[in-house]
N, C-alpha and C. Protein backbone atom coordinates (compact mmCIF):
# COMPACT_ATOMS: atom_id res chain seq x y z
N ASP A 1 -63.48 -50.76 52.73
CA ASP A 1 -64.41 -49.74 52.28
C ASP A 1 -64.03 -48.41 52.96
N VAL A 2 -63.60 -47.46 52.17
CA VAL A 2 -63.14 -46.17 52.68
C VAL A 2 -64.24 -45.46 53.48
N GLU A 3 -65.46 -45.53 53.01
CA GLU A 3 -66.57 -44.87 53.72
C GLU A 3 -66.78 -45.48 55.11
N ALA A 4 -66.68 -46.79 55.21
CA ALA A 4 -66.85 -47.44 56.51
C ALA A 4 -65.74 -47.04 57.47
N LEU A 5 -64.50 -46.96 56.96
CA LEU A 5 -63.38 -46.53 57.80
C LEU A 5 -63.60 -45.10 58.28
N PHE A 6 -64.02 -44.23 57.37
CA PHE A 6 -64.29 -42.83 57.72
C PHE A 6 -65.42 -42.74 58.74
N ASP A 7 -66.49 -43.50 58.51
CA ASP A 7 -67.63 -43.47 59.43
C ASP A 7 -67.24 -43.91 60.85
N LEU A 8 -66.34 -44.87 60.95
CA LEU A 8 -65.85 -45.27 62.27
C LEU A 8 -65.09 -44.13 62.93
N GLY A 9 -64.29 -43.41 62.15
CA GLY A 9 -63.58 -42.25 62.69
C GLY A 9 -64.55 -41.20 63.21
N VAL A 10 -65.60 -40.94 62.46
CA VAL A 10 -66.62 -39.98 62.89
C VAL A 10 -67.30 -40.46 64.17
N ALA A 11 -67.66 -41.73 64.20
CA ALA A 11 -68.35 -42.27 65.38
C ALA A 11 -67.50 -42.13 66.63
N TYR A 12 -66.22 -42.47 66.54
CA TYR A 12 -65.36 -42.38 67.72
C TYR A 12 -65.01 -40.94 68.08
N SER A 13 -64.97 -40.05 67.11
CA SER A 13 -64.62 -38.65 67.42
C SER A 13 -65.81 -37.86 67.96
N THR A 14 -67.02 -38.31 67.68
CA THR A 14 -68.21 -37.57 68.11
C THR A 14 -69.05 -38.29 69.14
N GLY A 15 -68.80 -39.58 69.33
CA GLY A 15 -69.62 -40.36 70.25
C GLY A 15 -70.96 -40.74 69.64
N ALA A 16 -71.02 -40.83 68.33
CA ALA A 16 -72.27 -41.18 67.64
C ALA A 16 -72.68 -42.61 67.95
N ASP A 17 -73.96 -42.86 67.88
CA ASP A 17 -74.53 -44.21 68.04
C ASP A 17 -74.16 -44.86 69.36
N GLY A 18 -74.00 -44.04 70.41
CA GLY A 18 -73.72 -44.58 71.73
C GLY A 18 -72.29 -45.02 71.96
N ILE A 19 -71.42 -44.78 71.01
CA ILE A 19 -70.01 -45.12 71.15
C ILE A 19 -69.33 -44.06 72.01
N ASP A 20 -68.50 -44.49 72.95
CA ASP A 20 -67.74 -43.54 73.76
C ASP A 20 -66.74 -42.80 72.89
N VAL A 21 -66.59 -41.51 73.14
CA VAL A 21 -65.59 -40.72 72.41
C VAL A 21 -64.21 -41.27 72.75
N ASP A 22 -63.43 -41.56 71.71
CA ASP A 22 -62.08 -42.10 71.88
C ASP A 22 -61.24 -41.56 70.73
N MET A 23 -60.44 -40.54 71.03
CA MET A 23 -59.69 -39.87 69.97
C MET A 23 -58.59 -40.75 69.37
N ILE A 24 -58.05 -41.67 70.15
CA ILE A 24 -57.05 -42.58 69.59
C ILE A 24 -57.71 -43.48 68.54
N GLU A 25 -58.87 -44.04 68.88
CA GLU A 25 -59.61 -44.86 67.90
C GLU A 25 -60.02 -44.02 66.70
N ALA A 26 -60.49 -42.81 66.93
CA ALA A 26 -60.91 -41.94 65.83
C ALA A 26 -59.75 -41.68 64.90
N HIS A 27 -58.60 -41.33 65.46
CA HIS A 27 -57.41 -41.05 64.65
C HIS A 27 -57.02 -42.28 63.84
N LYS A 28 -57.07 -43.46 64.47
CA LYS A 28 -56.75 -44.71 63.77
C LYS A 28 -57.62 -44.88 62.54
N TRP A 29 -58.94 -44.75 62.72
CA TRP A 29 -59.85 -44.99 61.59
C TRP A 29 -59.74 -43.89 60.53
N PHE A 30 -59.56 -42.64 60.96
CA PHE A 30 -59.34 -41.57 59.97
C PHE A 30 -58.04 -41.82 59.21
N ASN A 31 -57.02 -42.28 59.91
CA ASN A 31 -55.74 -42.57 59.27
C ASN A 31 -55.90 -43.67 58.21
N LEU A 32 -56.62 -44.73 58.57
CA LEU A 32 -56.83 -45.82 57.61
C LEU A 32 -57.64 -45.35 56.40
N ALA A 33 -58.64 -44.52 56.64
CA ALA A 33 -59.42 -43.98 55.51
C ALA A 33 -58.55 -43.07 54.65
N ALA A 34 -57.71 -42.27 55.30
CA ALA A 34 -56.81 -41.37 54.55
C ALA A 34 -55.83 -42.17 53.70
N LEU A 35 -55.32 -43.26 54.24
CA LEU A 35 -54.40 -44.11 53.48
C LEU A 35 -55.07 -44.71 52.25
N ASN A 36 -56.40 -44.79 52.29
CA ASN A 36 -57.16 -45.31 51.16
C ASN A 36 -57.72 -44.20 50.27
N GLY A 37 -57.21 -42.97 50.46
CA GLY A 37 -57.53 -41.89 49.54
C GLY A 37 -58.58 -40.89 49.97
N SER A 38 -59.09 -40.96 51.18
CA SER A 38 -60.13 -40.03 51.62
C SER A 38 -59.52 -38.70 52.07
N GLU A 39 -59.75 -37.67 51.27
CA GLU A 39 -59.25 -36.34 51.64
C GLU A 39 -59.98 -35.81 52.86
N GLU A 40 -61.26 -36.12 52.99
CA GLU A 40 -62.03 -35.69 54.15
C GLU A 40 -61.45 -36.30 55.43
N ALA A 41 -61.04 -37.56 55.35
CA ALA A 41 -60.43 -38.22 56.51
C ALA A 41 -59.10 -37.55 56.86
N MET A 42 -58.35 -37.14 55.85
CA MET A 42 -57.09 -36.44 56.10
C MET A 42 -57.33 -35.16 56.89
N MET A 43 -58.37 -34.42 56.52
CA MET A 43 -58.69 -33.18 57.22
C MET A 43 -59.16 -33.45 58.65
N CYS A 44 -60.00 -34.46 58.82
CA CYS A 44 -60.50 -34.80 60.16
C CYS A 44 -59.36 -35.27 61.05
N ARG A 45 -58.47 -36.07 60.49
CA ARG A 45 -57.32 -36.55 61.25
C ARG A 45 -56.47 -35.38 61.72
N ALA A 46 -56.24 -34.42 60.84
CA ALA A 46 -55.46 -33.23 61.21
C ALA A 46 -56.17 -32.43 62.29
N ASP A 47 -57.48 -32.29 62.16
CA ASP A 47 -58.25 -31.53 63.15
C ASP A 47 -58.15 -32.14 64.54
N ILE A 48 -58.35 -33.44 64.65
CA ILE A 48 -58.32 -34.05 65.98
C ILE A 48 -56.90 -34.15 66.52
N SER A 49 -55.91 -34.19 65.64
CA SER A 49 -54.51 -34.26 66.08
C SER A 49 -54.13 -33.05 66.91
N ASP A 50 -54.76 -31.91 66.63
CA ASP A 50 -54.46 -30.69 67.37
C ASP A 50 -54.79 -30.83 68.85
N ASP A 51 -55.72 -31.72 69.20
CA ASP A 51 -56.14 -31.91 70.59
C ASP A 51 -55.56 -33.17 71.21
N MET A 52 -54.60 -33.79 70.53
CA MET A 52 -54.01 -35.04 71.03
C MET A 52 -52.54 -34.83 71.37
N THR A 53 -52.05 -35.63 72.31
CA THR A 53 -50.63 -35.60 72.62
C THR A 53 -49.86 -36.41 71.58
N ALA A 54 -48.56 -36.20 71.54
CA ALA A 54 -47.72 -36.97 70.62
C ALA A 54 -47.80 -38.46 70.94
N ARG A 55 -47.91 -38.79 72.21
CA ARG A 55 -48.02 -40.19 72.63
C ARG A 55 -49.33 -40.82 72.14
N GLU A 56 -50.42 -40.06 72.22
CA GLU A 56 -51.72 -40.56 71.74
C GLU A 56 -51.69 -40.78 70.23
N ILE A 57 -51.08 -39.86 69.51
CA ILE A 57 -50.98 -40.00 68.05
C ILE A 57 -50.13 -41.22 67.70
N ALA A 58 -49.02 -41.39 68.40
CA ALA A 58 -48.16 -42.55 68.15
C ALA A 58 -48.91 -43.86 68.41
N GLU A 59 -49.73 -43.89 69.47
CA GLU A 59 -50.51 -45.08 69.77
C GLU A 59 -51.54 -45.34 68.68
N ALA A 60 -52.19 -44.30 68.20
CA ALA A 60 -53.17 -44.45 67.11
C ALA A 60 -52.50 -44.98 65.85
N GLN A 61 -51.32 -44.50 65.55
CA GLN A 61 -50.58 -44.97 64.38
C GLN A 61 -50.16 -46.43 64.55
N ARG A 62 -49.74 -46.79 65.76
CA ARG A 62 -49.37 -48.18 66.03
C ARG A 62 -50.57 -49.10 65.82
N GLN A 63 -51.73 -48.67 66.33
CA GLN A 63 -52.94 -49.48 66.17
C GLN A 63 -53.35 -49.59 64.70
N ALA A 64 -53.18 -48.53 63.93
CA ALA A 64 -53.51 -48.58 62.50
C ALA A 64 -52.60 -49.57 61.78
N ARG A 65 -51.30 -49.54 62.10
CA ARG A 65 -50.37 -50.49 61.49
C ARG A 65 -50.74 -51.93 61.85
N ALA A 66 -51.08 -52.15 63.12
CA ALA A 66 -51.47 -53.50 63.56
C ALA A 66 -52.72 -53.97 62.82
N TRP A 67 -53.67 -53.07 62.63
CA TRP A 67 -54.90 -53.42 61.92
C TRP A 67 -54.58 -53.80 60.47
N LEU A 68 -53.71 -53.01 59.84
CA LEU A 68 -53.33 -53.30 58.45
C LEU A 68 -52.63 -54.66 58.35
N GLN A 69 -51.75 -54.95 59.29
CA GLN A 69 -51.05 -56.24 59.27
C GLN A 69 -52.02 -57.39 59.48
N ALA A 70 -52.98 -57.23 60.38
CA ALA A 70 -53.96 -58.27 60.65
C ALA A 70 -54.84 -58.53 59.43
N THR A 71 -55.25 -57.47 58.76
CA THR A 71 -56.11 -57.65 57.58
C THR A 71 -55.33 -58.22 56.41
N ASP A 72 -54.04 -57.89 56.30
CA ASP A 72 -53.20 -58.46 55.25
C ASP A 72 -53.05 -59.96 55.43
N ARG A 73 -52.89 -60.39 56.69
CA ARG A 73 -52.75 -61.83 56.96
C ARG A 73 -54.02 -62.58 56.63
N ARG A 74 -55.18 -61.96 56.91
CA ARG A 74 -56.46 -62.62 56.62
C ARG A 74 -56.68 -62.74 55.13
N ALA A 75 -56.18 -61.76 54.36
CA ALA A 75 -56.39 -61.78 52.91
C ALA A 75 -55.49 -62.79 52.21
N ALA A 76 -54.39 -63.14 52.85
CA ALA A 76 -53.40 -64.05 52.23
C ALA A 76 -53.85 -65.48 52.24
């Protein structure tokens, strides 16, 4: 669900609902939402990327790939 992925990105980027702010997690969820067609997630991902190091972005991308692989295995 693209909205759920986006909402997780918002929660981690803002600290909503008592969640600790974690830009790597936020980037991961925005990235996953963007891969599923969310233009808003693409913009949010770009915005938070400006405040992240290249290493943090690479880690977020690695985590997004791992999540996709894990969900693909569960669906098979």
